[in-house]
């Protein structure tokens, strides 16, 4: 078995040292065969963007022998071009002034490597223009590859003043490409986010965004066929070393890590999680643990986002180009950072196309909810998994007294200063997260002809209709009965229980609850 290239994104190292490489060169050839010049591709972090850029660099550098045995090897007329590869992972970003200086140093370093002398006292933009002109004079047309173009903004997304200054710098820097068309062979830009064209790329209006193009839906990520082809030996090893059949492992791997899509039809695995799974031989939240969604959680709480709506969020096309420093839409941010993905594209009308977004897979959904619950209930992180198992067991057995005892214990662990003014919504969010994490079918804010049910839970042969109040459990239960919230479930053969729950604002916990069995 070949070694797994975990954390590696340099194509020549992966090939030269005989690491496993999932051959994406057929997709790359499709891109190059279009004979376009300016491209932009957005994907979440750790999804293979840097490896793609590195692969393009070797193709345009004419290093044919690196591709021996790969699909593209005998398909191209290999030519050598001068490549400028700008990776913002290697650019200093501490302040806007440091960003300017770092860009300038990058340009002068490329010039020095090519024995080109640039004029003195030039700023980063002037130096970049001169570099392109002189490289063209000495080597012909230039290829420019820019990786993680938005890092100077993303890293400071909570410091809007710095992010805005960095955006101005980047816009000025990238705008040079618009006037250099005659010198350029190919331009490819990647990033996590897509800032709207009135922002960074307003001057580069010939940049083609292929993020949602079906032809490139599998350009990054690992398809089901690729998983079977390139990891067959690893799958065999798992079935030899651990319990379970290959079919069972494939099912669980798909549930945990598959599900990312940019066209609603082709679904891919997160490559980082897959590599780590086969390296470690166990399921874990590998991709999720490499980033912190703390900013996202703060936005969800600030704007009181209904988490239930994110399960199947309907969005128009404008959502995918509305990523701005000010006034960001939370769903847009969740999509571009990889916490939501496209699950379906609805049939287009004459004027608009709509998308259904949801969590990509079990890794993202479960880990995100655990993170959210930990943020809502600080200090409980180390006990969450045990409490979830106990809650699930008691609910499935219809042991509601013990179920509410555990919930009471959970709320008792929430620090005094975490409670907010809108306590009812706060309690409901925590309970929603708890029930989602234990794998129970829960629906919140269920609309009927007479009102809106706080929550409906289906477990085993029971349907629980729940209403939460800040005053008394009797009032909550009476509302269920008066507005006949149970009526839409009477056709079910399951047992129906009506549950009124009171929150105790003095104790900052669940108060009394009343249960009435309908049948």
Protein backbone atom coordinates (compact mmCIF):
# COMPACT_ATOMS: atom_id res chain seq x y z
CA UNK A 1 0.00 0.00 0.00
CA UNK A 2 1.19 3.51 -0.80
CA UNK A 3 1.60 5.95 2.06
CA UNK A 4 -1.18 8.47 2.55
CA UNK A 5 -0.30 12.14 1.82
CA UNK A 6 -1.92 13.60 4.94
CA UNK A 7 -1.24 17.33 5.14
CA UNK A 8 0.71 17.27 1.84
CA UNK A 9 -0.30 19.55 -1.02
CA UNK A 10 2.79 19.66 -3.26
CA UNK A 11 2.18 17.51 -6.34
CA UNK A 12 5.85 16.85 -7.10
CA UNK A 13 6.49 15.58 -3.54
CA UNK A 14 3.46 13.29 -3.59
CA UNK A 15 4.44 11.78 -6.96
CA UNK A 16 8.20 11.82 -6.40
CA UNK A 17 7.99 10.09 -3.01
CA UNK A 18 5.36 7.60 -4.25
CA UNK A 19 2.46 8.68 -2.04
CA UNK A 20 -1.11 7.83 -2.98
CA UNK A 21 -2.53 10.25 -5.54
CA UNK A 22 -6.19 10.19 -6.61
CA UNK A 23 -5.89 10.98 -10.32
CA UNK A 24 -7.85 14.18 -11.03
CA UNK A 25 -6.04 14.96 -14.27
CA UNK A 26 -9.00 14.04 -16.48
CA UNK A 27 -11.05 16.78 -14.79
CA UNK A 28 -8.10 19.16 -15.11
CA UNK A 29 -7.83 18.34 -18.81
CA UNK A 30 -11.53 19.23 -19.23
CA UNK A 31 -10.75 22.63 -17.73
CA UNK A 32 -7.70 23.23 -19.90
CA UNK A 33 -9.47 22.03 -23.06
CA UNK A 34 -11.94 24.91 -22.75
CA UNK A 35 -9.07 27.22 -23.71
CA UNK A 36 -10.34 29.86 -21.28
CA UNK A 37 -7.97 32.23 -19.51
CA UNK A 38 -9.36 33.49 -16.18
CA UNK A 39 -10.90 31.09 -13.64
CA UNK A 40 -12.05 31.19 -10.03
CA UNK A 41 -12.91 28.20 -7.83
CA UNK A 42 -14.23 28.26 -4.26
CA UNK A 43 -14.12 25.26 -1.93
CA UNK A 44 -13.95 24.82 1.88
CA UNK A 45 -10.66 24.50 3.74
CA UNK A 46 -8.68 21.26 3.46
CA UNK A 47 -10.50 20.19 0.32
CA UNK A 48 -7.53 19.90 -2.05
CA UNK A 49 -7.37 23.41 -3.49
CA UNK A 50 -3.64 23.78 -2.86
CA UNK A 51 -2.87 20.38 -4.41
CA UNK A 52 -4.90 21.36 -7.48
CA UNK A 53 -2.94 24.59 -7.84
CA UNK A 54 0.34 22.69 -7.40
CA UNK A 55 -0.73 20.21 -10.07
CA UNK A 56 -1.54 23.03 -12.49
CA UNK A 57 1.87 24.53 -11.77
CA UNK A 58 3.63 21.32 -12.83
CA UNK A 59 1.48 21.00 -15.95
CA UNK A 60 2.25 24.52 -17.12
CA UNK A 61 5.90 24.09 -16.16
CA UNK A 62 6.01 21.28 -18.73
CA UNK A 63 7.06 18.59 -16.24
CA UNK A 64 5.52 15.76 -18.25
CA UNK A 65 7.39 12.90 -16.60
CA UNK A 66 5.79 13.67 -13.23
CA UNK A 67 2.48 12.63 -14.83
CA UNK A 68 3.61 9.29 -16.18
CA UNK A 69 0.89 6.74 -15.46
CA UNK A 70 -1.75 9.43 -14.97
CA UNK A 71 -4.66 10.04 -17.35
CA UNK A 72 -3.33 13.30 -18.78
CA UNK A 73 0.17 12.03 -19.61
CA UNK A 74 -0.35 11.48 -23.36
CA UNK A 75 -3.24 13.88 -23.85
CA UNK A 76 -1.44 17.24 -23.84
CA UNK A 77 0.96 18.99 -26.12
CA UNK A 78 3.31 19.72 -23.24
CA UNK A 79 4.70 23.25 -23.25
CA UNK A 80 6.70 25.14 -20.66
CA UNK A 81 5.46 28.50 -19.35
CA UNK A 82 6.75 30.83 -16.69
CA UNK A 83 4.51 30.32 -13.63
CA UNK A 84 3.89 32.81 -10.84
CA UNK A 85 2.50 30.82 -7.91
CA UNK A 86 1.19 33.02 -5.11
CA UNK A 87 0.14 31.08 -2.01
CA UNK A 88 -1.29 33.34 0.69
CA UNK A 89 -0.45 30.72 3.29
CA UNK A 90 3.12 31.99 2.84
CA UNK A 91 2.28 35.70 2.98
CA UNK A 92 2.57 37.66 6.25
CA UNK A 93 -0.77 39.20 7.21
CA UNK A 94 -0.34 40.69 10.68
CA UNK A 95 -1.34 44.21 9.59
CA UNK A 96 -2.36 45.83 6.29
CA UNK A 97 1.07 47.45 6.05
CA UNK A 98 2.78 44.10 6.59
CA UNK A 99 0.52 42.59 3.91
CA UNK A 100 1.64 45.26 1.42
CA UNK A 101 5.30 44.70 2.27
CA UNK A 102 4.94 40.93 2.11
CA UNK A 103 3.36 41.12 -1.35
CA UNK A 104 6.17 43.39 -2.49
CA UNK A 105 8.80 41.00 -1.13
CA UNK A 106 7.10 38.11 -2.91
CA UNK A 107 7.28 39.95 -6.24
CA UNK A 108 10.94 40.90 -5.80
CA UNK A 109 11.79 37.32 -4.81
CA UNK A 110 10.27 35.99 -8.07
CA UNK A 111 12.25 38.61 -9.99
CA UNK A 112 15.49 37.60 -8.26
CA UNK A 113 14.89 33.90 -9.00
CA UNK A 114 14.56 34.78 -12.68
CA UNK A 115 17.52 37.20 -12.70
CA UNK A 116 15.24 40.17 -13.35
CA UNK A 117 15.96 43.60 -11.93
CA UNK A 118 12.96 45.66 -10.89
CA UNK A 119 12.97 49.40 -10.39
CA UNK A 120 13.57 50.74 -6.90
CA UNK A 121 10.96 52.37 -4.65
CA UNK A 122 8.04 50.61 -6.32
CA UNK A 123 4.97 49.59 -4.34
CA UNK A 124 3.60 46.06 -4.45
CA UNK A 125 1.27 46.82 -7.38
CA UNK A 126 3.83 48.64 -9.54
CA UNK A 127 6.40 45.92 -8.92
CA UNK A 128 3.89 43.21 -9.89
CA UNK A 129 3.15 44.92 -13.21
CA UNK A 130 6.84 45.31 -14.01
CA UNK A 131 7.54 41.68 -13.07
CA UNK A 132 4.87 40.39 -15.48
CA UNK A 133 6.13 42.61 -18.31
CA UNK A 134 9.77 41.57 -17.89
CA UNK A 135 8.97 37.87 -17.46
CA UNK A 136 6.98 38.07 -20.67
CA UNK A 137 9.90 39.70 -22.48
CA UNK A 138 12.23 36.91 -21.37
CA UNK A 139 9.99 33.84 -21.40
CA UNK A 140 6.74 34.55 -23.25
CA UNK A 141 3.23 34.35 -21.83
CA UNK A 142 2.79 33.97 -18.07
CA UNK A 143 0.64 31.63 -15.97
CA UNK A 144 -0.58 33.05 -12.65
CA UNK A 145 -1.87 30.74 -9.92
CA UNK A 146 -3.22 32.31 -6.72
CA UNK A 147 -4.11 30.03 -3.82
CA UNK A 148 -6.25 31.09 -0.81
CA UNK A 149 -6.71 34.55 -2.31
CA UNK A 150 -9.08 35.59 0.51
CA UNK A 151 -6.96 34.59 3.51
CA UNK A 152 -6.08 38.23 4.35
CA UNK A 153 -9.83 38.85 4.76
CA UNK A 154 -11.01 35.57 6.26
CA UNK A 155 -8.35 35.66 8.99
CA UNK A 156 -9.66 39.05 10.13
CA UNK A 157 -13.37 38.57 9.50
CA UNK A 158 -14.16 39.61 13.10
CA UNK A 159 -11.90 42.66 12.84
CA UNK A 160 -13.79 44.46 10.14
CA UNK A 161 -11.52 47.49 9.93
CA UNK A 162 -8.46 45.36 9.15
CA UNK A 163 -10.46 43.07 6.84
CA UNK A 164 -11.75 46.09 4.90
CA UNK A 165 -8.25 47.55 4.53
CA UNK A 166 -6.94 44.20 3.33
CA UNK A 167 -9.77 43.97 0.83
CA UNK A 168 -8.73 47.32 -0.68
CA UNK A 169 -5.13 46.08 -0.95
CA UNK A 170 -6.17 42.84 -2.62
CA UNK A 171 -8.51 44.61 -5.02
CA UNK A 172 -5.69 46.90 -6.09
CA UNK A 173 -3.29 43.98 -6.46
CA UNK A 174 -5.66 41.76 -8.48
CA UNK A 175 -6.82 44.65 -10.66
CA UNK A 176 -3.39 44.70 -12.31
CA UNK A 177 -4.30 41.49 -14.12
CA UNK A 178 -7.11 43.20 -16.03
CA UNK A 179 -4.68 45.35 -17.97
CA UNK A 180 -2.14 42.55 -18.53
CA UNK A 181 -4.23 40.32 -20.77
CA UNK A 182 -1.72 40.27 -23.64
CA UNK A 183 0.98 38.93 -21.30
CA UNK A 184 -1.06 36.14 -19.71
CA UNK A 185 -1.68 32.55 -20.78
CA UNK A 186 -3.79 31.35 -17.85
CA UNK A 187 -5.00 32.68 -14.49
CA UNK A 188 -6.46 30.44 -11.78
CA UNK A 189 -7.60 31.72 -8.37
CA UNK A 190 -8.86 29.68 -5.42
CA UNK A 191 -10.31 30.56 -2.05
CA UNK A 192 -12.83 29.60 0.60
CA UNK A 193 -15.21 32.46 -0.08
CA UNK A 194 -16.54 34.31 -3.05
CA UNK A 195 -16.70 38.03 -2.39
CA UNK A 196 -19.12 39.71 -4.75
CA UNK A 197 -17.87 41.34 -7.91
CA UNK A 198 -18.44 44.85 -6.59
CA UNK A 199 -15.75 44.04 -4.08
CA UNK A 200 -12.40 42.40 -4.83
CA UNK A 201 -12.87 41.34 -8.43
CA UNK A 202 -14.81 44.32 -9.75
CA UNK A 203 -11.98 45.24 -12.11
CA UNK A 204 -11.34 41.63 -13.10
CA UNK A 205 -14.81 41.21 -14.57
CA UNK A 206 -13.71 38.56 -17.06
CA UNK A 207 -13.00 36.09 -14.26
CA UNK A 208 -15.10 32.95 -14.76
CA UNK A 209 -16.46 31.39 -11.59
CA UNK A 210 -16.64 27.58 -11.93
CA UNK A 211 -17.59 26.92 -8.29
CA UNK A 212 -21.11 25.68 -9.12
CA UNK A 213 -20.39 24.44 -12.64
CA UNK A 214 -21.52 20.78 -12.91
CA UNK A 215 -18.54 19.96 -15.13
CA UNK A 216 -16.22 20.62 -12.19
CA UNK A 217 -18.37 19.23 -9.38
CA UNK A 218 -15.84 16.42 -8.78
CA UNK A 219 -12.66 18.37 -9.54
CA UNK A 220 -11.94 18.30 -5.80
CA UNK A 221 -13.04 15.73 -3.26
CA UNK A 222 -13.26 11.96 -3.63
CA UNK A 223 -16.14 10.30 -5.48
CA UNK A 224 -17.64 6.95 -4.49
CA UNK A 225 -15.95 5.27 -7.47
CA UNK A 226 -12.60 6.84 -6.54
CA UNK A 227 -12.97 5.62 -2.97
CA UNK A 228 -13.42 2.05 -4.20
CA UNK A 229 -10.63 2.34 -6.75
CA UNK A 230 -7.89 4.02 -4.74
CA UNK A 231 -8.62 2.77 -1.23
CA UNK A 232 -9.56 -0.85 -1.94
CA UNK A 233 -6.51 -2.18 -0.12
CA UNK A 234 -7.22 0.06 2.87
CA UNK A 235 -10.81 -1.18 2.98
CA UNK A 236 -9.56 -4.76 2.91
CA UNK A 237 -7.21 -3.96 5.79
CA UNK A 238 -10.07 -2.50 7.87
CA UNK A 239 -12.19 -5.61 7.39
CA UNK A 240 -9.25 -7.84 8.31
CA UNK A 241 -8.21 -5.88 11.39
CA UNK A 242 -11.62 -4.91 12.73
CA UNK A 243 -15.14 -6.26 12.86
CA UNK A 244 -17.62 -5.68 10.05
CA UNK A 245 -17.91 -6.52 6.39
CA UNK A 246 -16.66 -4.35 3.57
CA UNK A 247 -20.24 -3.39 2.71
CA UNK A 248 -20.83 -2.28 6.31
CA UNK A 249 -17.64 -0.20 6.32
CA UNK A 250 -18.56 1.42 3.01
CA UNK A 251 -22.00 2.31 4.35
CA UNK A 252 -20.60 3.87 7.53
CA UNK A 253 -17.82 5.74 5.69
CA UNK A 254 -20.42 7.21 3.33
CA UNK A 255 -22.64 8.26 6.22
CA UNK A 256 -19.76 9.91 8.06
CA UNK A 257 -17.83 11.64 5.29
CA UNK A 258 -19.67 11.72 1.95
CA UNK A 259 -22.30 14.29 0.99
CA UNK A 260 -20.54 17.43 -0.27
CA UNK A 261 -21.96 18.71 -3.53
CA UNK A 262 -21.86 21.82 -5.67
CA UNK A 263 -24.43 20.73 -8.24
CA UNK A 264 -26.92 18.68 -6.21
CA UNK A 265 -26.17 15.53 -8.22
CA UNK A 266 -22.53 14.61 -7.77
CA UNK A 267 -21.52 14.01 -4.15
CA UNK A 268 -17.96 13.69 -2.89
CA UNK A 269 -16.07 12.78 0.25
CA UNK A 270 -13.99 15.23 2.20
CA UNK A 271 -10.44 14.10 1.25
CA UNK A 272 -8.86 15.15 4.55
CA UNK A 273 -11.27 13.06 6.61
CA UNK A 274 -10.94 10.05 4.30
CA UNK A 275 -7.14 10.05 4.49
CA UNK A 276 -7.20 10.30 8.27
CA UNK A 277 -9.83 7.59 8.58
CA UNK A 278 -7.67 5.09 6.70
CA UNK A 279 -4.56 6.21 8.53
CA UNK A 280 -6.09 5.88 12.00
CA UNK A 281 -8.58 3.09 11.32
CA UNK A 282 -11.42 4.74 13.24
CA UNK A 283 -14.19 7.27 12.77
CA UNK A 284 -13.59 10.76 14.15
CA UNK A 285 -14.35 14.38 13.30
CA UNK A 286 -11.05 14.90 11.47
CA UNK A 287 -12.01 17.82 9.20
CA UNK A 288 -14.17 19.56 11.78
CA UNK A 289 -11.40 19.52 14.38
CA UNK A 290 -9.00 21.42 12.10
CA UNK A 291 -11.09 24.60 12.32
CA UNK A 292 -13.08 26.48 14.89
CA UNK A 293 -16.63 27.60 14.01
CA UNK A 294 -16.76 29.98 16.98
CA UNK A 295 -17.51 32.98 14.75
CA UNK A 296 -20.36 31.08 13.10
CA UNK A 297 -21.80 30.13 16.48
CA UNK A 298 -21.72 33.76 17.59
CA UNK A 299 -23.60 34.80 14.44
CA UNK A 300 -26.19 32.05 14.92
CA UNK A 301 -26.82 33.23 18.46
CA UNK A 302 -26.74 36.92 17.56
CA UNK A 303 -29.31 36.61 14.77
CA UNK A 304 -31.31 33.86 16.54
CA UNK A 305 -31.04 31.51 13.58
CA UNK A 306 -33.56 28.67 13.67
CA UNK A 307 -31.28 25.62 13.52
CA UNK A 308 -34.13 23.45 12.32
CA UNK A 309 -34.38 25.57 9.16
CA UNK A 310 -30.74 24.89 8.30
CA UNK A 311 -31.56 21.20 7.90
CA UNK A 312 -33.19 21.88 4.53
CA UNK A 313 -32.56 25.53 3.80
CA UNK A 314 -34.05 26.92 0.59
CA UNK A 315 -31.86 29.54 -1.05
CA UNK A 316 -31.81 31.59 -4.21
CA UNK A 317 -28.77 32.07 -6.42
CA UNK A 318 -27.96 35.39 -4.77
CA UNK A 319 -26.92 33.53 -1.60
CA UNK A 320 -23.80 32.24 -3.34
CA UNK A 321 -22.47 35.67 -4.18
CA UNK A 322 -23.52 37.59 -1.08
CA UNK A 323 -20.40 36.99 0.98
CA UNK A 324 -19.40 40.40 2.24
CA UNK A 325 -17.50 41.70 5.24
CA UNK A 326 -20.53 43.67 6.37
CA UNK A 327 -24.00 42.15 6.55
CA UNK A 328 -23.05 38.55 5.81
CA UNK A 329 -25.89 36.06 5.51
CA UNK A 330 -25.22 33.24 7.99
CA UNK A 331 -26.35 30.54 5.55
CA UNK A 332 -23.96 31.92 2.91
CA UNK A 333 -21.10 31.80 5.37
CA UNK A 334 -22.01 28.25 6.45
CA UNK A 335 -22.09 27.13 2.82
CA UNK A 336 -18.80 28.68 1.82
CA UNK A 337 -17.01 27.34 4.88
CA UNK A 338 -18.29 23.80 4.30
CA UNK A 339 -20.84 23.41 7.10
CA UNK A 340 -23.69 23.39 4.60
CA UNK A 341 -23.71 22.02 1.08
CA UNK A 342 -26.08 21.73 -1.89
CA UNK A 343 -28.33 18.71 -1.57
CA UNK A 344 -30.72 19.50 -4.41
CA UNK A 345 -31.29 22.05 -7.15
CA UNK A 346 -34.98 22.67 -7.71
CA UNK A 347 -36.32 22.91 -11.28
CA UNK A 348 -35.55 26.40 -12.52
CA UNK A 349 -38.27 28.89 -13.29
CA UNK A 350 -37.87 31.32 -16.16
CA UNK A 351 -36.26 33.84 -13.84
CA UNK A 352 -34.71 32.04 -10.89
CA UNK A 353 -33.12 28.84 -9.67
CA UNK A 354 -33.46 27.64 -6.07
CA UNK A 355 -31.23 25.37 -4.03
CA UNK A 356 -31.78 23.14 -1.00
CA UNK A 357 -28.87 23.30 1.43
CA UNK A 358 -28.20 20.99 4.36
CA UNK A 359 -25.38 19.53 6.44
CA UNK A 360 -23.06 17.44 4.24
CA UNK A 361 -22.72 14.38 6.47
CA UNK A 362 -22.71 12.96 9.98
CA UNK A 363 -19.24 14.31 10.81
CA UNK A 364 -20.22 17.91 10.16
CA UNK A 365 -23.74 17.79 11.56
CA UNK A 366 -22.92 15.94 14.77
CA UNK A 367 -19.69 17.82 15.48
CA UNK A 368 -21.31 21.17 14.74
CA UNK A 369 -24.21 20.43 17.08
CA UNK A 370 -21.86 19.23 19.83
CA UNK A 371 -19.89 22.44 19.42
CA UNK A 372 -23.07 24.51 19.55
CA UNK A 373 -24.36 22.68 22.62
CA UNK A 374 -21.00 23.13 24.31
CA UNK A 375 -21.19 26.85 23.59
CA UNK A 376 -24.74 27.09 24.91
CA UNK A 377 -23.86 24.88 27.89
CA UNK A 378 -20.23 25.59 28.88
CA UNK A 379 -18.62 23.00 31.11
CA UNK A 380 -20.68 20.11 29.75
CA UNK A 381 -18.46 19.20 26.80
CA UNK A 382 -16.77 16.31 28.60
CA UNK A 383 -20.15 14.83 29.65
CA UNK A 384 -22.20 15.42 26.53
CA UNK A 385 -21.70 11.99 24.91
CA UNK A 386 -22.67 10.06 28.07
CA UNK A 387 -25.71 12.27 28.72
CA UNK A 388 -26.86 11.90 25.10
CA UNK A 389 -26.75 8.12 25.34
CA UNK A 390 -28.73 8.11 28.60
CA UNK A 391 -31.31 10.52 27.19
CA UNK A 392 -31.79 8.42 24.07
CA UNK A 393 -32.17 5.21 26.06
CA UNK A 394 -34.80 6.65 28.39
CA UNK A 395 -36.79 8.29 25.60
CA UNK A 396 -36.87 5.09 23.58
CA UNK A 397 -38.18 3.24 26.67
CA UNK A 398 -40.73 5.99 27.34
CA UNK A 399 -39.15 6.59 30.75
CA UNK A 400 -39.97 10.27 30.76
CA UNK A 401 -39.33 10.90 34.45
CA UNK A 402 -35.69 9.86 34.10
CA UNK A 403 -35.48 11.68 30.76
CA UNK A 404 -36.44 14.99 32.37
CA UNK A 405 -34.13 14.35 35.34
CA UNK A 406 -31.17 14.19 32.94
CA UNK A 407 -32.32 17.35 31.12
CA UNK A 408 -32.61 19.08 34.50
CA UNK A 409 -29.04 18.03 35.31
CA UNK A 410 -27.88 19.40 31.96
CA UNK A 411 -29.40 22.83 32.54
CA UNK A 412 -28.05 22.88 36.10
CA UNK A 413 -24.55 22.80 34.62
CA UNK A 414 -25.02 26.00 32.64
CA UNK A 415 -23.20 28.92 34.32
CA UNK A 416 -25.29 31.72 35.82
CA UNK A 417 -23.98 34.42 33.48
CA UNK A 418 -24.74 32.55 30.25
CA UNK A 419 -28.51 33.06 30.39
CA UNK A 420 -30.01 35.64 28.10
CA UNK A 421 -33.13 37.76 28.20
CA UNK A 422 -35.01 35.63 25.71
CA UNK A 423 -34.84 32.59 27.98
CA UNK A 424 -37.65 30.66 26.33
CA UNK A 425 -35.89 30.63 22.95
CA UNK A 426 -32.61 29.80 24.69
CA UNK A 427 -34.08 26.75 26.46
CA UNK A 428 -35.76 25.60 23.27
CA UNK A 429 -32.49 25.81 21.34
CA UNK A 430 -30.64 23.73 23.93
CA UNK A 431 -33.39 21.09 23.97
CA UNK A 432 -33.43 21.02 20.15
CA UNK A 433 -29.67 20.45 20.06
CA UNK A 434 -29.93 17.71 22.67
CA UNK A 435 -32.67 15.84 20.80
CA UNK A 436 -30.87 16.18 17.47
CA UNK A 437 -27.67 14.80 18.97
CA UNK A 438 -29.36 11.71 20.37
CA UNK A 439 -30.61 10.92 16.87
CA UNK A 440 -34.27 11.51 17.53
CA UNK A 441 -36.63 12.66 14.80
CA UNK A 442 -37.50 16.16 16.00
CA UNK A 443 -39.34 18.95 14.27
CA UNK A 444 -39.59 22.42 15.74
CA UNK A 445 -42.03 25.26 15.14
CA UNK A 446 -44.47 22.87 13.45
CA UNK A 447 -47.26 24.91 11.87
CA UNK A 448 -50.91 23.90 12.17
CA UNK A 449 -54.10 25.70 11.14
CA UNK A 450 -54.46 27.06 14.70
CA UNK A 451 -50.91 27.82 15.70
CA UNK A 452 -47.32 26.66 15.92
CA UNK A 453 -46.15 23.65 17.95
CA UNK A 454 -42.86 24.19 19.76
CA UNK A 455 -41.64 20.65 19.06
CA UNK A 456 -42.79 17.23 17.88
CA UNK A 457 -40.65 14.19 18.62
CA UNK A 458 -41.10 10.73 17.13
CA UNK A 459 -39.37 7.85 18.89
CA UNK A 460 -40.21 4.19 18.53
CA UNK A 461 -43.97 3.78 18.79
CA UNK A 462 -44.51 7.20 20.41
CA UNK A 463 -45.20 10.72 19.21
CA UNK A 464 -44.52 13.45 21.76
CA UNK A 465 -46.10 16.87 21.25
CA UNK A 466 -44.23 19.43 23.38
CA UNK A 467 -44.98 23.01 24.33
CA UNK A 468 -42.66 25.17 26.45
CA UNK A 469 -43.72 28.07 28.67
CA UNK A 470 -42.06 30.44 31.08
CA UNK A 471 -45.03 30.28 33.47
CA UNK A 472 -46.66 26.90 34.17
CA UNK A 473 -46.76 23.41 32.71
CA UNK A 474 -50.58 23.50 32.91
CA UNK A 475 -50.69 26.52 30.59
CA UNK A 476 -48.36 24.79 28.16
CA UNK A 477 -50.43 21.60 28.20
CA UNK A 478 -53.69 23.50 27.86
CA UNK A 479 -52.38 25.32 24.79
CA UNK A 480 -51.67 21.98 23.11
CA UNK A 481 -55.21 20.80 23.81
CA UNK A 482 -57.03 24.07 23.09
CA UNK A 483 -55.32 24.50 19.73
CA UNK A 484 -55.50 20.76 19.00
CA UNK A 485 -51.81 20.53 18.09
CA UNK A 486 -52.15 16.74 18.22
CA UNK A 487 -54.87 16.55 15.56
CA UNK A 488 -52.57 16.15 12.56
CA UNK A 489 -51.05 13.03 14.15
CA UNK A 490 -54.29 11.17 14.89
CA UNK A 491 -54.01 9.19 11.66
CA UNK A 492 -50.78 7.66 12.95
CA UNK A 493 -50.93 4.30 14.70
CA UNK A 494 -48.38 5.49 17.28
CA UNK A 495 -49.17 6.40 20.87
CA UNK A 496 -49.52 10.16 21.31
CA UNK A 497 -48.37 11.96 24.44
CA UNK A 498 -48.90 15.66 25.12
CA UNK A 499 -46.20 17.29 27.24
CA UNK A 500 -46.33 20.76 28.74
CA UNK A 501 -42.97 21.99 30.06
CA UNK A 502 -42.41 25.03 32.25
CA UNK A 503 -39.10 26.87 32.52
CA UNK A 504 -38.19 28.21 35.94
CA UNK A 505 -36.52 31.62 35.44
CA UNK A 506 -35.62 31.85 39.13
CA UNK A 507 -33.77 28.54 39.15
CA UNK A 508 -32.64 28.95 35.52
CA UNK A 509 -33.71 25.43 34.79
CA UNK A 510 -36.58 23.26 33.71
CA UNK A 511 -39.45 23.50 36.13
CA UNK A 512 -42.44 21.20 36.32
CA UNK A 513 -43.75 19.21 33.40
CA UNK A 514 -47.13 17.63 32.81
CA UNK A 515 -47.78 14.61 30.57
CA UNK A 516 -51.13 13.53 29.24
CA UNK A 517 -51.57 10.39 27.17
CA UNK A 518 -53.99 10.96 24.33
CA UNK A 519 -54.28 7.30 23.44
